[in-house]
PDB file of N, CA and C in Angstrom:
ATOM      1  N   MET A   1      66.800  63.632 -33.202  1.00  0.00           N
ATOM      2  CA  MET A   1      65.421  63.240 -32.853  1.00  0.00           C
ATOM      3  C   MET A   1      65.075  61.899 -33.510  1.00  0.00           C
ATOM      4  N   ILE A   2      64.485  61.003 -32.738  1.00  0.00           N
ATOM      5  CA  ILE A   2      64.036  59.717 -33.274  1.00  0.00           C
ATOM      6  C   ILE A   2      62.520  59.785 -33.451  1.00  0.00           C
ATOM      7  N   HIS A   3      62.072  59.570 -34.687  1.00  0.00           N
ATOM      8  CA  HIS A   3      60.632  59.619 -34.954  1.00  0.00           C
ATOM      9  C   HIS A   3      60.033  58.233 -34.767  1.00  0.00           C
ATOM     10  N   MET A   4      59.144  58.112 -33.776  1.00  0.00           N
ATOM     11  CA  MET A   4      58.477  56.825 -33.529  1.00  0.00           C
ATOM     12  C   MET A   4      57.032  56.954 -34.003  1.00  0.00           C
ATOM     13  N   HIS A   5      56.765  56.444 -35.195  1.00  0.00           N
ATOM     14  CA  HIS A   5      55.404  56.557 -35.739  1.00  0.00           C
ATOM     15  C   HIS A   5      54.480  55.613 -34.988  1.00  0.00           C
ATOM     16  N   GLY A   6      53.344  56.115 -34.559  1.00  0.00           N
ATOM     17  CA  GLY A   6      52.378  55.294 -33.821  1.00  0.00           C
ATOM     18  C   GLY A   6      52.486  55.505 -32.326  1.00  0.00           C
ATOM     19  N   ILE A   7      53.663  55.915 -31.848  1.00  0.00           N
ATOM     20  CA  ILE A   7      53.828  56.159 -30.407  1.00  0.00           C
ATOM     21  C   ILE A   7      53.627  57.642 -30.104  1.00  0.00           C
ATOM     22  N   MET A   8      54.058  58.505 -31.042  1.00  0.00           N
ATOM     23  CA  MET A   8      53.916  59.942 -30.836  1.00  0.00           C
ATOM     24  C   MET A   8      52.433  60.317 -30.827  1.00  0.00           C
ATOM     25  N   PRO A   9      52.032  61.284 -29.976  1.00  0.00           N
ATOM     26  CA  PRO A   9      50.640  61.725 -29.948  1.00  0.00           C
ATOM     27  C   PRO A   9      50.247  62.406 -31.252  1.00  0.00           C
ATOM     28  N   TYR A  10      48.952  62.457 -31.520  1.00  0.00           N
ATOM     29  CA  TYR A  10      48.472  63.025 -32.783  1.00  0.00           C
ATOM     30  C   TYR A  10      48.675  64.538 -32.811  1.00  0.00           C
ATOM     31  N   HIS A  11      49.239  65.014 -33.897  1.00  0.00           N
ATOM     32  CA  HIS A  11      49.395  66.457 -34.117  1.00  0.00           C
ATOM     33  C   HIS A  11      48.631  66.818 -35.381  1.00  0.00           C
ATOM     34  N   PRO A  12      47.955  67.960 -35.407  1.00  0.00           N
ATOM     35  CA  PRO A  12      47.212  68.360 -36.610  1.00  0.00           C
ATOM     36  C   PRO A  12      48.124  68.519 -37.823  1.00  0.00           C
ATOM     37  N   SER A  13      49.424  68.785 -37.595  1.00  0.00           N
ATOM     38  CA  SER A  13      50.323  69.076 -38.709  1.00  0.00           C
ATOM     39  C   SER A  13      50.699  67.825 -39.489  1.00  0.00           C
ATOM     40  N   TYR A  14      50.736  66.650 -38.846  1.00  0.00           N
ATOM     41  CA  TYR A  14      51.051  65.454 -39.625  1.00  0.00           C
ATOM     42  C   TYR A  14      50.004  64.358 -39.469  1.00  0.00           C
ATOM     43  N   PRO A  15      49.894  63.456 -40.457  1.00  0.00           N
ATOM     44  CA  PRO A  15      48.799  62.482 -40.506  1.00  0.00           C
ATOM     45  C   PRO A  15      48.806  61.531 -39.315  1.00  0.00           C
ATOM     46  N   LYS A  16      47.629  61.010 -38.987  1.00  0.00           N
ATOM     47  CA  LYS A  16      47.502  60.059 -37.879  1.00  0.00           C
ATOM     48  C   LYS A  16      48.190  58.742 -38.238  1.00  0.00           C
ATOM     49  N   PRO A  17      48.752  58.045 -37.241  1.00  0.00           N
ATOM     50  CA  PRO A  17      49.347  56.731 -37.495  1.00  0.00           C
ATOM     51  C   PRO A  17      48.279  55.719 -37.911  1.00  0.00           C
ATOM     52  N   GLN A  18      48.655  54.764 -38.751  1.00  0.00           N
ATOM     53  CA  GLN A  18      47.690  53.789 -39.270  1.00  0.00           C
ATOM     54  C   GLN A  18      47.022  52.973 -38.166  1.00  0.00           C
ATOM     55  N   PRO A  19      47.762  52.453 -37.156  1.00  0.00           N
ATOM     56  CA  PRO A  19      47.128  51.624 -36.127  1.00  0.00           C
ATOM     57  C   PRO A  19      45.991  52.358 -35.412  1.00  0.00           C
ATOM     58  N   VAL A  20      46.112  53.683 -35.301  1.00  0.00           N
ATOM     59  CA  VAL A  20      45.052  54.471 -34.661  1.00  0.00           C
ATOM     60  C   VAL A  20      43.895  54.677 -35.626  1.00  0.00           C
ATOM     61  N   ASN A  21      44.222  54.825 -36.928  1.00  0.00           N
ATOM     62  CA  ASN A  21      43.190  55.115 -37.929  1.00  0.00           C
ATOM     63  C   ASN A  21      42.267  53.927 -38.173  1.00  0.00           C
ATOM     64  N   ARG A  22      42.836  52.699 -38.143  1.00  0.00           N
ATOM     65  CA  ARG A  22      42.063  51.547 -38.600  1.00  0.00           C
ATOM     66  C   ARG A  22      40.778  51.319 -37.776  1.00  0.00           C
ATOM     67  N   PRO A  23      40.856  51.283 -36.427  1.00  0.00           N
ATOM     68  CA  PRO A  23      39.626  51.060 -35.644  1.00  0.00           C
ATOM     69  C   PRO A  23      38.605  52.170 -35.877  1.00  0.00           C
ATOM     70  N   VAL A  24      39.076  53.399 -36.032  1.00  0.00           N
ATOM     71  CA  VAL A  24      38.162  54.522 -36.270  1.00  0.00           C
ATOM     72  C   VAL A  24      37.427  54.311 -37.586  1.00  0.00           C
ATOM     73  N   LYS A  25      38.172  53.830 -38.602  1.00  0.00           N
ATOM     74  CA  LYS A  25      37.559  53.605 -39.908  1.00  0.00           C
ATOM     75  C   LYS A  25      36.491  52.520 -39.797  1.00  0.00           C
ATOM     76  N   GLU A  26      36.778  51.456 -39.044  1.00  0.00           N
ATOM     77  CA  GLU A  26      35.792  50.387 -38.865  1.00  0.00           C
ATOM     78  C   GLU A  26      34.540  50.930 -38.181  1.00  0.00           C
ATOM     79  N   GLU A  27      34.728  51.779 -37.174  1.00  0.00           N
ATOM     80  CA  GLU A  27      33.574  52.385 -36.498  1.00  0.00           C
ATOM     81  C   GLU A  27      32.756  53.204 -37.492  1.00  0.00           C
ATOM     82  N   ALA A  28      33.443  53.957 -38.335  1.00  0.00           N
ATOM     83  CA  ALA A  28      32.750  54.785 -39.326  1.00  0.00           C
ATOM     84  C   ALA A  28      31.963  53.896 -40.291  1.00  0.00           C
ATOM     85  N   ASP A  29      32.562  52.761 -40.697  1.00  0.00           N
ATOM     86  CA  ASP A  29      31.864  51.842 -41.602  1.00  0.00           C
ATOM     87  C   ASP A  29      30.610  51.298 -40.924  1.00  0.00           C
ATOM     88  N   LYS A  30      30.705  50.952 -39.634  1.00  0.00           N
ATOM     89  CA  LYS A  30      29.528  50.451 -38.916  1.00  0.00           C
ATOM     90  C   LYS A  30      28.446  51.517 -38.892  1.00  0.00           C
ATOM     91  N   GLN A  31      28.847  52.771 -38.572  1.00  0.00           N
ATOM     92  CA  GLN A  31      27.882  53.871 -38.543  1.00  0.00           C
ATOM     93  C   GLN A  31      27.224  54.020 -39.912  1.00  0.00           C
ATOM     94  N   LYS A  32      28.043  53.952 -40.977  1.00  0.00           N
ATOM     95  CA  LYS A  32      27.529  54.142 -42.331  1.00  0.00           C
ATOM     96  C   LYS A  32      26.489  53.065 -42.650  1.00  0.00           C
ATOM     97  N   SER A  33      26.852  51.790 -42.392  1.00  0.00           N
ATOM     98  CA  SER A  33      25.946  50.693 -42.719  1.00  0.00           C
ATOM     99  C   SER A  33      24.660  50.827 -41.895  1.00  0.00           C
ATOM    100  N   PHE A  34      24.783  51.246 -40.629  1.00  0.00           N
ATOM    101  CA  PHE A  34      23.603  51.411 -39.768  1.00  0.00           C
ATOM    102  C   PHE A  34      22.695  52.495 -40.335  1.00  0.00           C
ATOM    103  N   GLN A  35      23.287  53.617 -40.758  1.00  0.00           N
ATOM    104  CA  GLN A  35      22.482  54.696 -41.352  1.00  0.00           C
ATOM    105  C   GLN A  35      21.822  54.226 -42.646  1.00  0.00           C
ATOM    106  N   GLU A  36      22.549  53.437 -43.448  1.00  0.00           N
ATOM    107  CA  GLU A  36      21.980  52.942 -44.705  1.00  0.00           C
ATOM    108  C   GLU A  36      20.768  52.053 -44.423  1.00  0.00           C
ATOM    109  N   ILE A  37      20.877  51.195 -43.395  1.00  0.00           N
ATOM    110  CA  ILE A  37      19.749  50.324 -43.039  1.00  0.00           C
ATOM    111  C   ILE A  37      18.556  51.181 -42.608  1.00  0.00           C
ATOM    112  N   LEU A  38      18.811  52.216 -41.812  1.00  0.00           N
ATOM    113  CA  LEU A  38      17.720  53.103 -41.376  1.00  0.00           C
ATOM    114  C   LEU A  38      17.063  53.749 -42.592  1.00  0.00           C
ATOM    115  N   GLN A  39      17.876  54.244 -43.542  1.00  0.00           N
ATOM    116  CA  GLN A  39      17.318  54.892 -44.732  1.00  0.00           C
ATOM    117  C   GLN A  39      16.481  53.903 -45.527  1.00  0.00           C
ATOM    118  N   GLU A  40      16.938  52.653 -45.628  1.00  0.00           N
ATOM    119  CA  GLU A  40      16.172  51.638 -46.361  1.00  0.00           C
ATOM    120  C   GLU A  40      14.815  51.416 -45.685  1.00  0.00           C
ATOM    121  N   LYS A  41      14.815  51.333 -44.353  1.00  0.00           N
ATOM    122  CA  LYS A  41      13.550  51.134 -43.632  1.00  0.00           C
ATOM    123  C   LYS A  41      12.619  52.314 -43.867  1.00  0.00           C
ATOM    124  N   ILE A  42      13.181  53.522 -43.829  1.00  0.00           N
ATOM    125  CA  ILE A  42      12.352  54.721 -44.040  1.00  0.00           C
ATOM    126  C   ILE A  42      11.761  54.695 -45.447  1.00  0.00           C
ATOM    127  N   SER A  43      12.575  54.340 -46.431  1.00  0.00           N
ATOM    128  CA  SER A  43      12.085  54.335 -47.816  1.00  0.00           C
ATOM    129  C   SER A  43      11.006  53.256 -47.989  1.00  0.00           C
ATOM    130  N   GLN A  44      11.130  52.127 -47.276  1.00  0.00           N
ATOM    131  CA  GLN A  44      10.128  51.068 -47.378  1.00  0.00           C
ATOM    132  C   GLN A  44       8.801  51.531 -46.755  1.00  0.00           C
ATOM    133  N   ASN A  45       8.882  52.309 -45.661  1.00  0.00           N
ATOM    134  CA  ASN A  45       7.659  52.787 -45.005  1.00  0.00           C
ATOM    135  C   ASN A  45       6.903  53.740 -45.916  1.00  0.00           C
ATOM    136  N   ARG A  46       7.626  54.520 -46.734  1.00  0.00           N
ATOM    137  CA  ARG A  46       6.942  55.410 -47.668  1.00  0.00           C
ATOM    138  C   ARG A  46       6.310  54.535 -48.734  1.00  0.00           C
TER     139      ARG A  46
END
C-alpha cells in the first residue's frame, strides 16, 4: 500500500492532512476575530 498524505479522503481514525487543515483554521480565526469585535461592541453599548 502506498500512503499518499493529502490525497486520501479524511478518516476519523487518522489526522487530517495539513493542506486541508490550513484554510479551515484561517476561517476559524476570521470567525473568532468577528465574534471578538461583536463582543467589544456589546460591551461598549453597556
